[in-house]
Protein backbone atom coordinates (compact mmCIF):
# COMPACT_ATOMS: atom_id res chain seq x y z
CA UNK A 1 -30.07 28.71 -41.88
CA UNK A 2 -28.81 25.90 -39.54
CA UNK A 3 -29.52 23.37 -42.24
CA UNK A 4 -27.59 25.48 -44.76
CA UNK A 5 -24.57 25.73 -42.46
CA UNK A 6 -24.68 22.02 -41.70
CA UNK A 7 -24.79 21.25 -45.42
CA UNK A 8 -21.76 23.47 -45.99
CA UNK A 9 -19.77 21.65 -43.24
CA UNK A 10 -20.60 18.26 -44.75
CA UNK A 11 -19.77 19.37 -48.29
CA UNK A 12 -16.55 21.04 -47.26
CA UNK A 13 -15.38 18.02 -45.30
CA UNK A 14 -16.17 15.77 -48.27
CA UNK A 15 -14.20 18.01 -50.65
CA UNK A 16 -11.14 18.06 -48.33
CA UNK A 17 -11.23 14.21 -48.11
CA UNK A 18 -11.37 13.79 -51.89
CA UNK A 19 -9.00 16.65 -52.87
CA UNK A 20 -5.95 14.45 -53.08
CA UNK A 21 -7.18 12.77 -56.28
CA UNK A 22 -6.31 15.82 -58.38
CA UNK A 23 -3.84 17.27 -59.22
CA UNK A 24 -1.56 14.36 -59.89
CA UNK A 25 2.18 14.14 -60.23
CA UNK A 26 3.22 11.53 -62.84
CA UNK A 27 6.49 10.27 -64.18
CA UNK A 28 7.40 8.34 -67.35
CA UNK A 29 8.58 4.86 -66.37
CA UNK A 30 10.39 2.72 -68.91
CA UNK A 31 10.13 -1.07 -68.82
CA UNK A 32 12.56 -1.98 -71.59
CA UNK A 33 15.60 -2.90 -69.45
CA UNK A 34 17.19 -6.29 -69.16
CA UNK A 35 20.33 -7.69 -67.62
CA UNK A 36 22.22 -10.53 -69.29
CA UNK A 37 21.56 -9.78 -72.12
CA UNK A 38 21.54 -6.06 -71.41
CA UNK A 39 18.78 -4.95 -73.72
CA UNK A 40 18.21 -1.19 -73.76
CA UNK A 41 21.42 -0.57 -71.82
CA UNK A 42 23.36 -1.66 -74.93
CA UNK A 43 21.34 0.64 -77.25
CA UNK A 44 22.93 0.99 -80.68
CA UNK A 45 24.46 4.25 -81.82
CA UNK A 46 22.04 5.45 -84.49
CA UNK A 47 23.27 5.83 -88.06
CA UNK A 48 23.06 9.15 -89.83
CA UNK A 49 24.62 8.98 -93.26
CA UNK A 50 24.01 12.69 -93.90
CA UNK A 51 26.11 13.54 -90.85
CA UNK A 52 28.73 10.98 -91.64
CA UNK A 53 27.78 8.40 -89.04
CA UNK A 54 27.64 4.98 -90.74
CA UNK A 55 28.02 2.75 -87.71
CA UNK A 56 25.43 0.79 -85.74
CA UNK A 57 27.92 0.00 -82.94
CA UNK A 58 26.35 -0.96 -79.66
CA UNK A 59 27.37 -0.44 -76.04
CA UNK A 60 28.56 -3.33 -73.92
CA UNK A 61 27.24 -3.31 -70.35
CA UNK A 62 27.96 -3.44 -67.52
CA UNK A 63 30.90 -1.11 -68.28
CA UNK A 64 29.63 0.83 -71.24
CA UNK A 65 26.05 2.07 -71.13
CA UNK A 66 23.89 4.14 -73.46
CA UNK A 67 23.66 6.79 -70.77
CA UNK A 68 25.90 9.69 -69.74
CA UNK A 69 25.10 8.79 -66.17
CA UNK A 70 25.56 5.46 -64.38
CA UNK A 71 22.56 4.16 -62.31
CA UNK A 72 23.06 3.72 -58.58
CA UNK A 73 21.40 0.33 -58.87
CA UNK A 74 23.58 -0.69 -61.82
CA UNK A 75 22.23 -1.85 -65.21
CA UNK A 76 19.20 -3.63 -63.88
CA UNK A 77 16.33 -5.71 -65.28
CA UNK A 78 12.75 -4.41 -65.38
CA UNK A 79 11.68 -7.94 -64.45
CA UNK A 80 13.49 -7.89 -61.15
CA UNK A 81 10.96 -7.72 -58.28
CA UNK A 82 13.43 -6.10 -55.90
CA UNK A 83 14.25 -3.40 -58.37
CA UNK A 84 10.61 -2.70 -59.04
CA UNK A 85 9.88 -2.43 -55.32
CA UNK A 86 12.83 -0.14 -54.80
CA UNK A 87 11.56 2.04 -57.63
CA UNK A 88 8.06 2.17 -56.17
CA UNK A 89 9.55 3.23 -52.83
CA UNK A 90 11.47 6.04 -54.58
CA UNK A 91 8.37 7.14 -56.45
CA UNK A 92 6.44 7.32 -53.17
CA UNK A 93 9.21 9.22 -51.41
CA UNK A 94 9.15 11.79 -54.24
CA UNK A 95 5.41 12.28 -54.13
CA UNK A 96 4.78 10.75 -57.52
CA UNK A 97 1.33 9.20 -57.57
CA UNK A 98 1.26 7.67 -61.06
CA UNK A 99 3.67 6.28 -63.66
CA UNK A 100 3.17 6.53 -67.38
CA UNK A 101 4.47 3.42 -69.20
CA UNK A 102 5.49 3.83 -72.90
CA UNK A 103 3.79 1.01 -74.83
CA UNK A 104 4.79 -0.06 -78.36
CA UNK A 105 3.78 -3.56 -79.52
CA UNK A 106 1.47 -6.12 -78.11
CA UNK A 107 2.83 -9.67 -77.68
CA UNK A 108 0.50 -10.72 -80.49
CA UNK A 109 2.08 -8.10 -82.80
CA UNK A 110 5.55 -9.17 -81.86
CA UNK A 111 4.79 -12.86 -82.62
CA UNK A 112 3.32 -11.91 -86.00
CA UNK A 113 6.43 -10.04 -87.10
CA UNK A 114 8.67 -11.70 -89.66
CA UNK A 115 11.93 -12.90 -88.17
CA UNK A 116 13.87 -10.38 -90.26
CA UNK A 117 11.54 -7.42 -89.48
CA UNK A 118 13.70 -4.75 -87.82
CA UNK A 119 10.79 -2.79 -86.28
CA UNK A 120 11.72 -2.07 -82.61
CA UNK A 121 13.93 -5.15 -82.60
CA UNK A 122 17.02 -4.07 -80.72
CA UNK A 123 16.30 -1.99 -77.69
CA UNK A 124 13.75 -3.82 -75.55
CA UNK A 125 10.53 -2.28 -76.83
CA UNK A 126 9.19 -5.65 -78.02
CA UNK A 127 9.32 -7.15 -74.52
CA UNK A 128 7.34 -4.45 -72.60
CA UNK A 129 3.98 -6.28 -72.78
CA UNK A 130 5.48 -9.34 -71.04
CA UNK A 131 6.49 -7.28 -67.96
CA UNK A 132 3.33 -5.31 -67.41
CA UNK A 133 1.50 -7.78 -65.16
CA UNK A 134 4.39 -7.89 -62.69
CA UNK A 135 4.65 -4.12 -62.69
CA UNK A 136 0.93 -3.70 -62.00
CA UNK A 137 1.06 -6.18 -59.16
CA UNK A 138 3.96 -4.43 -57.40
CA UNK A 139 2.62 -0.95 -58.15
CA UNK A 140 -0.58 -1.97 -56.38
CA UNK A 141 1.40 -2.83 -53.26
CA UNK A 142 2.65 0.70 -53.11
CA UNK A 143 -0.62 2.39 -54.30
CA UNK A 144 1.11 3.72 -57.42
CA UNK A 145 -1.26 4.20 -60.39
CA UNK A 146 -0.35 3.18 -63.90
CA UNK A 147 -1.21 4.90 -67.20
CA UNK A 148 -0.24 3.60 -70.64
CA UNK A 149 1.15 5.87 -73.35
CA UNK A 150 0.80 4.60 -76.92
CA UNK A 151 4.16 5.49 -78.33
CA UNK A 152 5.10 6.84 -81.77
CA UNK A 153 7.26 4.74 -84.07
CA UNK A 154 7.99 4.32 -87.74
CA UNK A 155 4.86 3.72 -89.84
CA UNK A 156 2.47 3.86 -86.86
CA UNK A 157 -1.14 4.16 -88.06
CA UNK A 158 -4.64 4.46 -86.63
CA UNK A 159 -5.39 0.72 -87.01
CA UNK A 160 -2.40 -0.17 -84.83
CA UNK A 161 -3.41 2.42 -82.24
CA UNK A 162 -7.00 1.13 -82.13
CA UNK A 163 -5.79 -2.52 -81.76
CA UNK A 164 -3.43 -1.57 -78.93
CA UNK A 165 -6.11 0.41 -77.13
CA UNK A 166 -8.51 -2.51 -77.26
CA UNK A 167 -5.78 -4.97 -76.22
CA UNK A 168 -4.68 -2.87 -73.17
CA UNK A 169 -8.26 -2.21 -72.12
CA UNK A 170 -9.31 -5.85 -72.29
CA UNK A 171 -6.16 -7.25 -70.69
CA UNK A 172 -5.24 -4.70 -68.06
CA UNK A 173 -8.07 -2.22 -67.35
CA UNK A 174 -9.63 -4.15 -64.55
CA UNK A 175 -6.42 -4.21 -62.56
CA UNK A 176 -6.59 -2.12 -59.37
CA UNK A 177 -3.34 -0.20 -60.18
CA UNK A 178 -4.51 1.06 -63.57
CA UNK A 179 -5.51 4.66 -63.20
CA UNK A 180 -9.16 5.52 -63.67
CA UNK A 181 -11.14 8.74 -63.50
CA UNK A 182 -13.83 9.26 -60.90
CA UNK A 183 -16.43 7.84 -63.31
CA UNK A 184 -14.40 4.70 -63.78
CA UNK A 185 -12.98 5.52 -67.23
CA UNK A 186 -9.42 4.32 -67.99
CA UNK A 187 -7.06 7.10 -69.16
CA UNK A 188 -4.61 6.52 -72.05
CA UNK A 189 -2.07 8.89 -73.49
CA UNK A 190 -1.34 8.99 -77.26
CA UNK A 191 2.20 10.28 -77.90
CA UNK A 192 2.56 12.65 -80.85
CA UNK A 193 -1.19 12.24 -81.56
CA UNK A 194 -1.07 15.23 -83.90
CA UNK A 195 0.64 13.01 -86.47
CA UNK A 196 -2.57 11.00 -86.84
CA UNK A 197 -5.59 12.39 -88.72
CA UNK A 198 -8.02 13.91 -86.18
CA UNK A 199 -11.05 12.45 -88.09
CA UNK A 200 -9.61 8.96 -87.73
CA UNK A 201 -9.01 9.52 -84.03
CA UNK A 202 -12.51 10.85 -83.53
CA UNK A 203 -14.28 8.17 -85.47
CA UNK A 204 -12.21 5.05 -84.84
CA UNK A 205 -10.93 5.19 -81.28
CA UNK A 206 -13.04 3.13 -78.84
CA UNK A 207 -14.86 5.55 -76.60
CA UNK A 208 -16.74 3.50 -73.96
CA UNK A 209 -14.84 3.40 -70.73
CA UNK A 210 -11.77 5.18 -72.10
CA UNK A 211 -10.57 8.80 -72.10
CA UNK A 212 -7.65 10.01 -74.13
CA UNK A 213 -4.94 12.58 -73.65
CA UNK A 214 -3.15 13.77 -76.75
CA UNK A 215 -0.46 16.30 -77.68
CA UNK A 216 -1.16 20.02 -77.80
CA UNK A 217 -0.05 21.13 -81.25
CA UNK A 218 0.01 24.85 -82.17
CA UNK A 219 -3.54 25.98 -81.47
CA UNK A 220 -5.06 22.85 -79.98
CA UNK A 221 -7.61 22.40 -82.74
CA UNK A 222 -6.33 18.85 -83.48
CA UNK A 223 -6.92 17.78 -79.88
CA UNK A 224 -10.38 19.38 -79.89
CA UNK A 225 -11.39 17.77 -83.20
CA UNK A 226 -10.12 14.42 -81.90
CA UNK A 227 -12.48 14.74 -78.88
CA UNK A 228 -9.67 14.25 -76.35
CA UNK A 229 -10.38 14.67 -72.66
CA UNK A 230 -6.98 16.20 -71.98
CA UNK A 231 -3.86 17.64 -73.59
CA UNK A 232 -0.17 17.02 -73.04
CA UNK A 233 1.84 20.25 -72.95
CA UNK A 234 5.63 20.47 -73.15
CA UNK A 235 6.95 23.07 -70.75
CA UNK A 236 9.11 24.52 -73.53
CA UNK A 237 5.96 25.44 -75.51
CA UNK A 238 3.58 28.31 -75.03
CA UNK A 239 2.11 26.85 -71.87
CA UNK A 240 0.03 29.92 -71.12
CA UNK A 241 -1.76 29.64 -74.45
CA UNK A 242 -2.16 25.86 -73.98
CA UNK A 243 -3.52 26.18 -70.47
CA UNK A 244 -6.00 28.88 -71.55
CA UNK A 245 -7.12 26.52 -74.29
CA UNK A 246 -7.62 23.73 -71.75
CA UNK A 247 -9.60 26.03 -69.47
CA UNK A 248 -11.80 27.37 -72.26
CA UNK A 249 -12.55 23.90 -73.66
CA UNK A 250 -12.98 22.09 -70.29
CA UNK A 251 -10.13 19.77 -71.07
CA UNK A 252 -7.66 18.53 -68.44
CA UNK A 253 -4.05 19.52 -68.94
CA UNK A 254 -0.76 17.84 -68.15
CA UNK A 255 2.47 19.80 -68.43
CA UNK A 256 5.57 17.73 -69.26
CA UNK A 257 8.77 18.79 -67.60
CA UNK A 258 12.28 17.31 -67.55
CA UNK A 259 15.51 17.68 -65.52
CA UNK A 260 17.52 17.74 -68.71
CA UNK A 261 18.15 15.83 -71.95
CA UNK A 262 21.31 14.36 -73.49
CA UNK A 263 21.25 11.43 -75.98
CA UNK A 264 24.59 12.13 -77.58
CA UNK A 265 25.56 8.53 -76.91
CA UNK A 266 22.74 7.49 -79.25
CA UNK A 267 22.91 10.44 -81.65
CA UNK A 268 26.41 11.91 -81.40
CA UNK A 269 25.50 14.59 -83.99
CA UNK A 270 22.50 16.01 -82.05
CA UNK A 271 24.30 18.53 -79.90
CA UNK A 272 21.58 21.16 -80.55
CA UNK A 273 19.04 18.91 -78.74
CA UNK A 274 20.98 18.72 -75.54
CA UNK A 275 19.36 20.41 -72.50
CA UNK A 276 21.88 20.91 -69.68
CA UNK A 277 20.78 20.17 -66.13
CA UNK A 278 22.64 23.20 -64.70
CA UNK A 279 22.94 21.61 -61.26
CA UNK A 280 19.20 21.24 -60.95
CA UNK A 281 18.15 24.71 -62.09
CA UNK A 282 16.62 23.41 -65.28
CA UNK A 283 14.41 21.07 -63.32
CA UNK A 284 13.45 23.67 -60.67
CA UNK A 285 12.63 26.31 -63.29
CA UNK A 286 10.43 23.79 -65.20
CA UNK A 287 8.57 22.92 -62.01
CA UNK A 288 7.99 26.58 -61.15
CA UNK A 289 6.68 27.33 -64.65
CA UNK A 290 4.34 24.37 -64.48
CA UNK A 291 3.02 25.27 -61.01
CA UNK A 292 2.36 28.84 -62.11
CA UNK A 293 0.25 27.63 -65.05
CA UNK A 294 -2.00 25.59 -62.68
CA UNK A 295 -2.48 22.45 -64.85
CA UNK A 296 -4.40 19.35 -63.86
CA UNK A 297 -1.16 17.44 -63.58
CA UNK A 298 2.61 17.44 -64.09
CA UNK A 299 4.32 14.67 -66.00
CA UNK A 300 8.04 14.21 -65.29
CA UNK A 301 10.06 13.00 -68.29
CA UNK A 302 11.43 10.85 -66.88
CA UNK A 303 11.90 8.59 -63.88
CA UNK A 304 14.32 6.23 -65.65
CA UNK A 305 15.02 7.01 -69.33
CA UNK A 306 18.74 6.57 -68.91
CA UNK A 307 19.51 6.45 -72.63
CA UNK A 308 18.21 10.03 -72.96
CA UNK A 309 19.83 11.00 -69.64
CA UNK A 310 16.53 12.54 -68.57
CA UNK A 311 16.13 10.43 -65.45
CA UNK A 312 15.48 11.54 -61.88
CA UNK A 313 16.32 8.04 -60.57
CA UNK A 314 19.45 8.15 -58.38
CA UNK A 315 22.73 8.04 -60.29
CA UNK A 316 25.97 6.72 -58.91
CA UNK A 317 28.14 9.38 -57.24
CA UNK A 318 31.37 7.43 -56.99
CA UNK A 319 32.50 5.36 -59.95
CA UNK A 320 35.31 2.85 -60.09
CA UNK A 321 37.34 4.37 -62.89
CA UNK A 322 39.17 1.14 -63.58
CA UNK A 323 35.89 -0.76 -63.86
CA UNK A 324 34.15 1.84 -65.97
CA UNK A 325 37.06 2.52 -68.31
CA UNK A 326 38.61 -0.92 -68.68
CA UNK A 327 36.69 -1.59 -71.86
CA UNK A 328 37.80 1.60 -73.51
CA UNK A 329 41.49 0.82 -73.77
CA UNK A 330 41.28 -1.68 -76.55
CA UNK A 331 38.90 -2.93 -79.24
CA UNK A 332 37.66 -6.15 -77.71
CA UNK A 333 33.90 -6.07 -78.51
CA UNK A 334 33.24 -8.62 -75.81
CA UNK A 335 34.28 -6.15 -73.13
CA UNK A 336 32.86 -2.94 -74.61
CA UNK A 337 32.98 -0.29 -77.24
CA UNK A 338 36.60 0.45 -77.93
CA UNK A 339 38.29 3.79 -77.30
CA UNK A 340 39.01 4.23 -80.99
CA UNK A 341 35.39 3.86 -81.89
CA UNK A 342 34.24 6.23 -79.18
CA UNK A 343 36.78 8.80 -80.29
CA UNK A 344 35.67 8.45 -83.89
CA UNK A 345 32.05 8.97 -82.87
CA UNK A 346 33.06 11.93 -80.63
CA UNK A 347 31.42 10.24 -77.59
CA UNK A 348 32.57 11.37 -74.20
CA UNK A 349 33.61 8.18 -72.39
CA UNK A 350 33.14 9.58 -68.86
CA UNK A 351 30.00 9.38 -66.75
CA UNK A 352 28.47 12.42 -65.13
CA UNK A 353 27.23 12.62 -61.56
CA UNK A 354 24.50 14.78 -59.99
CA UNK A 355 25.84 17.97 -58.48
CA UNK A 356 24.87 17.36 -54.83
CA UNK A 357 23.80 13.79 -54.10
CA UNK A 358 22.61 10.65 -55.91
CA UNK A 359 19.01 11.35 -54.83
CA UNK A 360 18.99 15.10 -55.40
CA UNK A 361 16.31 14.91 -58.20
CA UNK A 362 14.05 12.71 -56.01
CA UNK A 363 14.42 15.32 -53.26
CA UNK A 364 13.59 18.17 -55.64
CA UNK A 365 10.57 16.26 -56.92
CA UNK A 366 9.31 15.73 -53.37
CA UNK A 367 9.64 19.42 -52.65
CA UNK A 368 7.80 20.63 -55.77
CA UNK A 369 5.21 17.87 -55.90
CA UNK A 370 4.17 18.73 -52.32
CA UNK A 371 3.99 22.39 -53.21
CA UNK A 372 1.98 21.69 -56.37
CA UNK A 373 -0.51 19.30 -54.73
CA UNK A 374 -1.09 21.63 -51.77
CA UNK A 375 -1.73 24.68 -53.96
CA UNK A 376 -3.88 22.72 -56.36
CA UNK A 377 -5.95 21.05 -53.65
CA UNK A 378 -6.52 24.31 -51.76
CA UNK A 379 -7.53 26.21 -54.87
CA UNK A 380 -9.84 23.49 -56.14
CA UNK A 381 -11.47 23.13 -52.68
CA UNK A 382 -11.86 26.90 -52.24
CA UNK A 383 -13.35 27.38 -55.71
CA UNK A 384 -15.73 24.48 -55.56
CA UNK A 385 -16.81 25.29 -52.01
CA UNK A 386 -17.52 28.90 -52.91
CA UNK A 387 -19.61 27.83 -55.88
CA UNK A 388 -21.62 25.48 -53.64
CA UNK A 389 -21.99 28.15 -50.97
CA UNK A 390 -23.43 30.61 -53.49
CA UNK A 391 -25.79 28.02 -54.84
CA UNK A 392 -27.00 26.95 -51.35
CA UNK A 393 -27.49 30.60 -50.26
CA UNK A 394 -29.53 31.20 -53.42
CA UNK A 395 -31.70 28.16 -52.60
CA UNK A 396 -32.12 29.34 -49.01
CA UNK A 397 -33.09 32.83 -50.08
CA UNK A 398 -35.69 31.44 -52.50
CA UNK A 399 -37.06 29.18 -49.77
CA UNK A 400 -37.68 32.12 -47.50
C-alpha cells in the first residue's frame, strides 16, 4: 500500500506541474500593419453596387483610420520591434499564452503574381510572410506561442492550402515559439475549412508532424471526415452541441469569442453585422458562456483587428479633436477622406473610446483567462488523478 500511495504522490505532483499546458488562451494577432505608407490602416471602403456603393475610397492615416477606435499606440507598423515587445507585454499581462496569426500568401506566391493581379493587393496581406521571423523571435523572448491560421480568400483551393502548409512547416516549424502539442506536432488552423471538400482535406493535407483545427459546421461531420484534431467553435453558434461533439469524438475544441464587431468603415451597408460592445458586457458574457462549455481553449477575436473594431488592444481615451478631424473639413485627398465623401458613405467620422479605461479589455481578459485556466487545470488534474487512482488500486488489489 505504501508503494501505491507513493506512486499517487509522484503522479499527482507531475500532473500539477504540467497542468498549465492546457487549457490555453489564444488571441488573433494581425501582422498586416505598416506606417508610411499606412497599409491596412488605410483600408479601402468596399464597393457594393447592389447597395449603391460604387467607391473604392481609402482612408488617409494618421488622421483617418479604417477603425471606429483609435489605437493608443497610434497607427503603428508590425515591423516595429518596440511595438511588438509592447504587444507581447500586453498579451502576457492579460494571460494570453498563444497568438494566432492569419496567413494568406507565401512570399513565393506574391512574387509569382502578375503585376496587375488584384488578389490581396491593397491591405497588407501580401507582406505578412516577411514579418513572421521577427515576430517569432520577439514572441520567444516573452514565451508567447504562435499558431498560423490559413485564411480564406477569393478562389482559395486545396492546392494553395497544401502548398502553404508545407511552406510554413518547412520554414517556421522548428522555431521555439511555434506552438506544438506534447508529441511535438505543429498545430495549424484552417479558417472556413468547411468550404473545402472534406475528401480533399483528408487525402491531400500533409499529416506527418502536423495537426489541424477546422471550423465546426452544423453537425461536425465535415471536421470528422477531414480527420481534424480539433474544431473551432464560434460562441454565437450552438456551443453545447459542438462541445458534445468534440467530447464524443475525442477532438479538442476552441471556442472563439469577441468583444464586439463593427466594420462599417469598410462596409457601410453592413449594419446588421454590427455587434455592440455594451460597455464590456458582450465580452464578459462570451467569456462566461465559453468557460461554462469547458473547451480545450478560448480564442479571442481579436487582439488587434482594428479595421473590424474587434480589438482588445488599448484604444486612445483622449483624442485631439482638431488633429483627428482636420482632414474632414475639405476634400484634400492628401490629408484624408473628405467630409462630403464620409457623409455620402454614411460613415460616422468620430472615434469611440472604451467605457472605463484604455486597457479595460486587457483587464477583463486577465480576469477571465485566470478563471478559465484555474478551473480547467483543476478539473483536468482531478479527473486524470482519479482515473489513475482507480487503476492503481485495481492493480494493488489484484497483486494481493
